[in-house]
């Protein structure tokens, strides 16, 4: 499932932008590849982040993977529910499994991300 209204990174993060706030998570494809997520480490609120830099860690029964910033900005919220229920990343990656809200520094960065068709092509090649 690749929602059409979102943008994507080559590292399998999704982003939904509303004004200058972006909600970020990992895609259904990434969650499936990771297997059952058992732990998530997210950046603190107030942290400045740079596009494409590692900003957190996702640990599953299969692997440990970095979470990358799809855009530059400031973390304004992290999904506290994930500390007690990381399985939301697997069961509802585009809903309850969201990870961060970021105040976007430059909304033009969003246009440089993959649209749903380009992301579908990327995962088809995997």
N, C-alpha and C. Protein backbone atom coordinates (compact mmCIF):
# COMPACT_ATOMS: atom_id res chain seq x y z
N UNK A 1 0.83 -1.18 0.00
CA UNK A 1 0.00 0.00 0.00
C UNK A 1 0.89 1.25 0.00
N UNK A 2 0.70 2.10 -0.99
CA UNK A 2 1.46 3.34 -1.11
C UNK A 2 0.46 4.48 -1.29
N UNK A 3 0.10 5.16 -0.18
CA UNK A 3 -0.87 6.26 -0.30
C UNK A 3 -0.39 7.34 -1.27
N UNK A 4 -1.28 7.76 -2.13
CA UNK A 4 -0.95 8.71 -3.20
C UNK A 4 -0.62 10.11 -2.68
N UNK A 5 -1.22 10.51 -1.55
CA UNK A 5 -1.07 11.89 -1.08
C UNK A 5 0.24 12.16 -0.33
N UNK A 6 1.03 11.12 -0.08
CA UNK A 6 2.27 11.28 0.69
C UNK A 6 3.47 11.43 -0.23
N UNK A 7 4.59 11.84 0.36
CA UNK A 7 5.89 11.85 -0.32
C UNK A 7 6.76 10.84 0.40
N UNK A 8 7.82 10.39 -0.27
CA UNK A 8 8.63 9.28 0.23
C UNK A 8 10.11 9.54 0.03
N UNK A 9 10.93 8.85 0.86
CA UNK A 9 12.38 8.89 0.68
C UNK A 9 12.83 7.55 0.14
N UNK A 10 14.04 7.52 -0.39
CA UNK A 10 14.62 6.26 -0.86
C UNK A 10 14.94 5.33 0.30
N UNK A 11 14.96 5.87 1.52
CA UNK A 11 15.21 5.07 2.73
C UNK A 11 13.91 4.56 3.34
N UNK A 12 12.77 4.79 2.66
CA UNK A 12 11.46 4.25 3.02
C UNK A 12 10.75 4.98 4.15
N UNK A 13 11.04 6.28 4.31
CA UNK A 13 10.23 7.10 5.20
C UNK A 13 9.13 7.75 4.37
N UNK A 14 8.00 8.02 5.02
CA UNK A 14 6.93 8.78 4.37
C UNK A 14 6.77 10.10 5.11
N UNK A 15 6.20 11.08 4.41
CA UNK A 15 5.98 12.40 4.99
C UNK A 15 4.66 12.96 4.48
N UNK A 16 3.88 13.52 5.42
CA UNK A 16 2.62 14.20 5.09
C UNK A 16 2.77 15.62 5.61
N UNK A 17 2.65 16.60 4.74
CA UNK A 17 2.87 18.00 5.11
C UNK A 17 1.54 18.74 5.19
N UNK A 18 1.38 19.48 6.28
CA UNK A 18 0.21 20.33 6.47
C UNK A 18 0.75 21.69 6.92
N UNK A 19 0.78 22.65 5.98
CA UNK A 19 1.38 23.95 6.27
C UNK A 19 2.89 23.79 6.41
N UNK A 20 3.42 24.14 7.59
CA UNK A 20 4.86 23.97 7.79
C UNK A 20 5.16 22.83 8.77
N UNK A 21 4.14 22.01 9.06
CA UNK A 21 4.33 20.85 9.94
C UNK A 21 4.24 19.57 9.09
N UNK A 22 5.22 18.69 9.31
CA UNK A 22 5.24 17.41 8.59
C UNK A 22 5.12 16.27 9.59
N UNK A 23 4.32 15.29 9.25
CA UNK A 23 4.23 14.05 10.02
C UNK A 23 5.08 13.03 9.27
N UNK A 24 5.88 12.27 10.01
CA UNK A 24 6.85 11.34 9.41
C UNK A 24 6.68 9.96 10.01
N UNK A 25 6.86 8.95 9.18
CA UNK A 25 6.87 7.56 9.63
C UNK A 25 7.63 6.72 8.62
N UNK A 26 7.59 5.40 8.79
CA UNK A 26 8.17 4.52 7.78
C UNK A 26 7.04 3.84 7.03
N UNK A 27 7.34 3.43 5.82
CA UNK A 27 6.32 2.86 4.94
C UNK A 27 5.95 1.44 5.34
N UNK A 28 4.82 1.00 4.82
CA UNK A 28 4.36 -0.37 4.98
C UNK A 28 5.43 -1.34 4.47
N UNK A 29 6.04 -1.01 3.34
CA UNK A 29 7.09 -1.85 2.76
C UNK A 29 8.25 -1.99 3.75
N UNK A 30 8.70 -0.88 4.34
CA UNK A 30 9.82 -0.92 5.29
C UNK A 30 9.45 -1.74 6.52
N UNK A 31 8.25 -1.53 7.03
CA UNK A 31 7.80 -2.28 8.21
C UNK A 31 7.77 -3.77 7.93
N UNK A 32 7.32 -4.12 6.72
CA UNK A 32 7.27 -5.53 6.33
C UNK A 32 8.67 -6.13 6.23
N UNK A 33 9.61 -5.37 5.66
CA UNK A 33 10.98 -5.84 5.52
C UNK A 33 11.66 -6.00 6.87
N UNK A 34 11.36 -5.10 7.81
CA UNK A 34 11.95 -5.17 9.14
C UNK A 34 11.44 -6.35 9.95
N UNK A 35 10.18 -6.70 9.77
CA UNK A 35 9.56 -7.69 10.63
C UNK A 35 9.00 -6.99 11.86
N UNK A 36 8.72 -7.75 12.90
CA UNK A 36 8.08 -7.19 14.08
C UNK A 36 8.98 -6.18 14.78
N UNK A 37 8.51 -4.93 14.84
CA UNK A 37 9.27 -3.87 15.50
C UNK A 37 9.11 -4.03 17.01
N UNK A 38 10.26 -4.00 17.73
CA UNK A 38 10.24 -4.19 19.17
C UNK A 38 10.69 -2.95 19.95
N UNK A 39 11.32 -2.00 19.27
CA UNK A 39 11.84 -0.81 19.96
C UNK A 39 12.05 0.31 18.95
N UNK A 40 11.76 1.54 19.39
CA UNK A 40 11.99 2.71 18.55
C UNK A 40 12.66 3.79 19.41
N UNK A 41 13.73 4.36 18.90
CA UNK A 41 14.38 5.50 19.56
C UNK A 41 14.19 6.71 18.65
N UNK A 42 13.51 7.72 19.18
CA UNK A 42 13.19 8.91 18.40
C UNK A 42 13.91 10.13 18.99
N UNK A 43 14.15 11.15 18.17
CA UNK A 43 14.83 12.35 18.68
C UNK A 43 13.94 13.13 19.64
N UNK A 44 14.60 13.89 20.51
CA UNK A 44 13.89 14.71 21.49
C UNK A 44 13.19 15.89 20.81
N UNK A 45 12.08 16.31 21.41
CA UNK A 45 11.39 17.52 20.96
C UNK A 45 12.35 18.70 21.11
N UNK A 46 12.35 19.56 20.10
CA UNK A 46 13.24 20.72 20.10
C UNK A 46 14.54 20.50 19.34
N UNK A 47 14.83 19.25 18.99
CA UNK A 47 16.06 18.95 18.28
C UNK A 47 15.98 19.45 16.83
N UNK A 48 17.03 20.13 16.41
CA UNK A 48 17.15 20.53 15.00
C UNK A 48 17.68 19.34 14.22
N UNK A 49 17.05 19.06 13.08
CA UNK A 49 17.48 17.93 12.26
C UNK A 49 17.75 18.41 10.83
N UNK A 50 18.64 17.68 10.17
CA UNK A 50 19.01 18.01 8.79
C UNK A 50 18.55 16.92 7.86
N UNK A 51 18.06 17.33 6.68
CA UNK A 51 17.57 16.38 5.68
C UNK A 51 18.61 15.30 5.42
N UNK A 52 18.17 14.06 5.38
CA UNK A 52 18.96 12.85 5.08
C UNK A 52 19.86 12.40 6.22
N UNK A 53 19.87 13.10 7.35
CA UNK A 53 20.73 12.66 8.46
C UNK A 53 19.98 11.66 9.33
N UNK A 54 20.72 10.74 9.98
CA UNK A 54 20.07 9.79 10.88
C UNK A 54 19.49 10.52 12.09
N UNK A 55 18.25 10.20 12.44
CA UNK A 55 17.60 10.89 13.55
C UNK A 55 17.01 9.94 14.58
N UNK A 56 17.10 8.65 14.35
CA UNK A 56 16.54 7.69 15.28
C UNK A 56 16.89 6.28 14.87
N UNK A 57 16.40 5.33 15.66
CA UNK A 57 16.69 3.92 15.42
C UNK A 57 15.41 3.11 15.56
N UNK A 58 15.26 2.15 14.67
CA UNK A 58 14.14 1.21 14.73
C UNK A 58 14.74 -0.18 14.87
N UNK A 59 14.32 -0.89 15.91
CA UNK A 59 14.83 -2.24 16.14
C UNK A 59 13.70 -3.23 15.97
N UNK A 60 13.97 -4.27 15.20
CA UNK A 60 12.97 -5.32 15.01
C UNK A 60 13.59 -6.66 15.38
N UNK A 61 12.79 -7.71 15.26
CA UNK A 61 13.31 -9.04 15.55
C UNK A 61 14.38 -9.45 14.55
N UNK A 62 14.40 -8.80 13.39
CA UNK A 62 15.35 -9.14 12.32
C UNK A 62 16.57 -8.23 12.25
N UNK A 63 16.39 -6.93 12.56
CA UNK A 63 17.46 -5.97 12.27
C UNK A 63 17.30 -4.70 13.09
N UNK A 64 18.38 -3.91 13.08
CA UNK A 64 18.35 -2.56 13.63
C UNK A 64 18.60 -1.62 12.46
N UNK A 65 17.73 -0.62 12.29
CA UNK A 65 17.84 0.30 11.16
C UNK A 65 17.77 1.74 11.64
N UNK A 66 18.47 2.60 10.93
CA UNK A 66 18.39 4.03 11.21
C UNK A 66 17.13 4.61 10.59
N UNK A 67 16.61 5.64 11.24
CA UNK A 67 15.53 6.46 10.71
C UNK A 67 16.18 7.75 10.23
N UNK A 68 15.86 8.18 9.01
CA UNK A 68 16.48 9.36 8.42
C UNK A 68 15.47 10.50 8.28
N UNK A 69 15.96 11.72 8.40
CA UNK A 69 15.11 12.89 8.28
C UNK A 69 14.77 13.14 6.82
N UNK A 70 13.49 13.14 6.46
CA UNK A 70 13.11 13.42 5.07
C UNK A 70 13.30 14.90 4.71
N UNK A 71 13.23 15.77 5.72
CA UNK A 71 13.41 17.22 5.52
C UNK A 71 14.16 17.79 6.72
N UNK A 72 14.70 18.98 6.55
CA UNK A 72 15.33 19.69 7.67
C UNK A 72 14.26 20.42 8.46
N UNK A 73 14.52 20.59 9.75
CA UNK A 73 13.58 21.33 10.59
C UNK A 73 13.81 21.07 12.05
N UNK A 74 12.75 21.23 12.83
CA UNK A 74 12.81 21.05 14.27
C UNK A 74 11.74 20.05 14.69
N UNK A 75 12.11 19.08 15.51
CA UNK A 75 11.16 18.11 16.03
C UNK A 75 10.23 18.82 17.01
N UNK A 76 8.92 18.77 16.73
CA UNK A 76 7.95 19.41 17.61
C UNK A 76 7.13 18.39 18.41
N UNK A 77 7.17 17.12 17.99
CA UNK A 77 6.48 16.06 18.73
C UNK A 77 6.99 14.72 18.27
N UNK A 78 7.08 13.79 19.21
CA UNK A 78 7.34 12.41 18.83
C UNK A 78 6.18 11.57 19.36
N UNK A 79 5.92 10.46 18.73
CA UNK A 79 4.78 9.61 19.08
C UNK A 79 5.12 8.80 20.33
N UNK A 80 4.72 9.32 21.49
CA UNK A 80 5.01 8.69 22.77
C UNK A 80 4.40 7.30 22.89
N UNK A 81 3.30 7.05 22.17
CA UNK A 81 2.65 5.73 22.24
C UNK A 81 3.58 4.61 21.76
N UNK A 82 4.53 4.94 20.89
CA UNK A 82 5.38 3.90 20.33
C UNK A 82 6.32 3.28 21.35
N UNK A 83 6.63 3.99 22.44
CA UNK A 83 7.51 3.41 23.44
C UNK A 83 6.86 2.20 24.11
N UNK A 84 5.54 2.24 24.27
CA UNK A 84 4.84 1.11 24.87
C UNK A 84 4.19 0.19 23.86
N UNK A 85 4.07 0.66 22.62
CA UNK A 85 3.39 -0.13 21.59
C UNK A 85 4.08 0.05 20.24
N UNK A 86 5.36 -0.38 20.12
CA UNK A 86 6.06 -0.21 18.84
C UNK A 86 5.43 -1.01 17.71
N UNK A 87 4.57 -1.97 18.05
CA UNK A 87 3.91 -2.79 17.03
C UNK A 87 2.98 -1.96 16.14
N UNK A 88 2.60 -0.74 16.57
CA UNK A 88 1.80 0.13 15.71
C UNK A 88 2.51 0.41 14.39
N UNK A 89 3.84 0.39 14.41
CA UNK A 89 4.61 0.63 13.18
C UNK A 89 4.31 -0.46 12.16
N UNK A 90 4.11 -1.69 12.62
CA UNK A 90 3.78 -2.79 11.72
C UNK A 90 2.30 -2.81 11.37
N UNK A 91 1.45 -2.60 12.36
CA UNK A 91 0.01 -2.77 12.14
C UNK A 91 -0.65 -1.58 11.47
N UNK A 92 -0.09 -0.37 11.67
CA UNK A 92 -0.72 0.84 11.12
C UNK A 92 0.36 1.90 10.83
N UNK A 93 1.28 1.61 9.88
CA UNK A 93 2.42 2.50 9.67
C UNK A 93 2.05 3.91 9.20
N UNK A 94 0.91 4.07 8.56
CA UNK A 94 0.51 5.39 8.06
C UNK A 94 -0.48 6.09 9.01
N UNK A 95 -0.82 5.43 10.11
CA UNK A 95 -1.77 5.99 11.07
C UNK A 95 -1.14 6.05 12.45
N UNK A 96 -1.53 5.10 13.33
CA UNK A 96 -1.02 5.09 14.70
C UNK A 96 0.48 4.91 14.78
N UNK A 97 1.09 4.40 13.72
CA UNK A 97 2.54 4.16 13.70
C UNK A 97 3.37 5.36 13.29
N UNK A 98 2.76 6.54 13.17
CA UNK A 98 3.55 7.74 12.84
C UNK A 98 4.62 7.92 13.91
N UNK A 99 5.72 8.58 13.55
CA UNK A 99 6.83 8.71 14.49
C UNK A 99 7.07 10.12 14.98
N UNK A 100 7.11 11.08 14.06
CA UNK A 100 7.48 12.45 14.41
C UNK A 100 6.60 13.49 13.74
N UNK A 101 6.54 14.65 14.38
CA UNK A 101 6.03 15.86 13.75
C UNK A 101 7.21 16.82 13.72
N UNK A 102 7.45 17.38 12.54
CA UNK A 102 8.60 18.26 12.32
C UNK A 102 8.10 19.61 11.80
N UNK A 103 8.60 20.70 12.39
CA UNK A 103 8.38 22.03 11.82
C UNK A 103 9.39 22.16 10.69
N UNK A 104 8.91 22.17 9.47
CA UNK A 104 9.76 22.13 8.28
C UNK A 104 10.46 23.47 8.07
N UNK A 105 11.78 23.42 7.90
CA UNK A 105 12.57 24.64 7.70
C UNK A 105 12.37 25.19 6.29
N UNK A 106 12.28 24.31 5.29
CA UNK A 106 12.16 24.74 3.89
C UNK A 106 11.21 23.78 3.17
N UNK A 107 9.96 24.18 2.99
CA UNK A 107 8.97 23.28 2.38
C UNK A 107 9.34 22.89 0.95
N UNK A 108 10.26 23.62 0.32
CA UNK A 108 10.69 23.24 -1.03
C UNK A 108 11.40 21.88 -1.03
N UNK A 109 11.95 21.46 0.12
CA UNK A 109 12.60 20.15 0.19
C UNK A 109 11.61 19.03 -0.08
N UNK A 110 10.36 19.24 0.28
CA UNK A 110 9.34 18.21 0.09
C UNK A 110 9.18 17.87 -1.39
N UNK A 111 9.25 18.89 -2.25
CA UNK A 111 9.09 18.67 -3.69
C UNK A 111 10.19 17.77 -4.26
N UNK A 112 11.34 17.71 -3.59
CA UNK A 112 12.44 16.87 -4.05
C UNK A 112 12.31 15.41 -3.66
N UNK A 113 11.30 15.09 -2.84
CA UNK A 113 11.09 13.71 -2.42
C UNK A 113 10.30 12.94 -3.48
N UNK A 114 10.26 11.64 -3.34
CA UNK A 114 9.56 10.79 -4.30
C UNK A 114 8.05 10.91 -4.16
N UNK A 115 7.35 10.94 -5.29
CA UNK A 115 5.90 10.84 -5.22
C UNK A 115 5.54 9.35 -5.16
N UNK A 116 4.27 9.03 -5.04
CA UNK A 116 3.87 7.63 -4.86
C UNK A 116 4.28 6.75 -6.04
N UNK A 117 4.17 7.26 -7.27
CA UNK A 117 4.55 6.46 -8.44
C UNK A 117 6.05 6.14 -8.43
N UNK A 118 6.86 7.13 -8.10
CA UNK A 118 8.32 6.92 -8.06
C UNK A 118 8.68 5.96 -6.93
N UNK A 119 7.99 6.06 -5.80
CA UNK A 119 8.26 5.16 -4.68
C UNK A 119 7.85 3.74 -5.04
N UNK A 120 6.70 3.57 -5.68
CA UNK A 120 6.27 2.24 -6.12
C UNK A 120 7.30 1.62 -7.08
N UNK A 121 7.85 2.43 -7.97
CA UNK A 121 8.89 1.95 -8.89
C UNK A 121 10.13 1.51 -8.12
N UNK A 122 10.50 2.28 -7.09
CA UNK A 122 11.67 1.96 -6.28
C UNK A 122 11.51 0.61 -5.59
N UNK A 123 10.37 0.38 -4.98
CA UNK A 123 10.21 -0.90 -4.26
C UNK A 123 9.99 -2.07 -5.22
N UNK A 124 9.51 -1.80 -6.41
CA UNK A 124 9.37 -2.86 -7.40
C UNK A 124 10.73 -3.38 -7.83
N UNK A 125 11.75 -2.51 -7.80
CA UNK A 125 13.11 -2.90 -8.19
C UNK A 125 13.82 -3.69 -7.09
N UNK A 126 13.33 -3.62 -5.86
CA UNK A 126 14.01 -4.25 -4.72
C UNK A 126 13.90 -5.76 -4.77
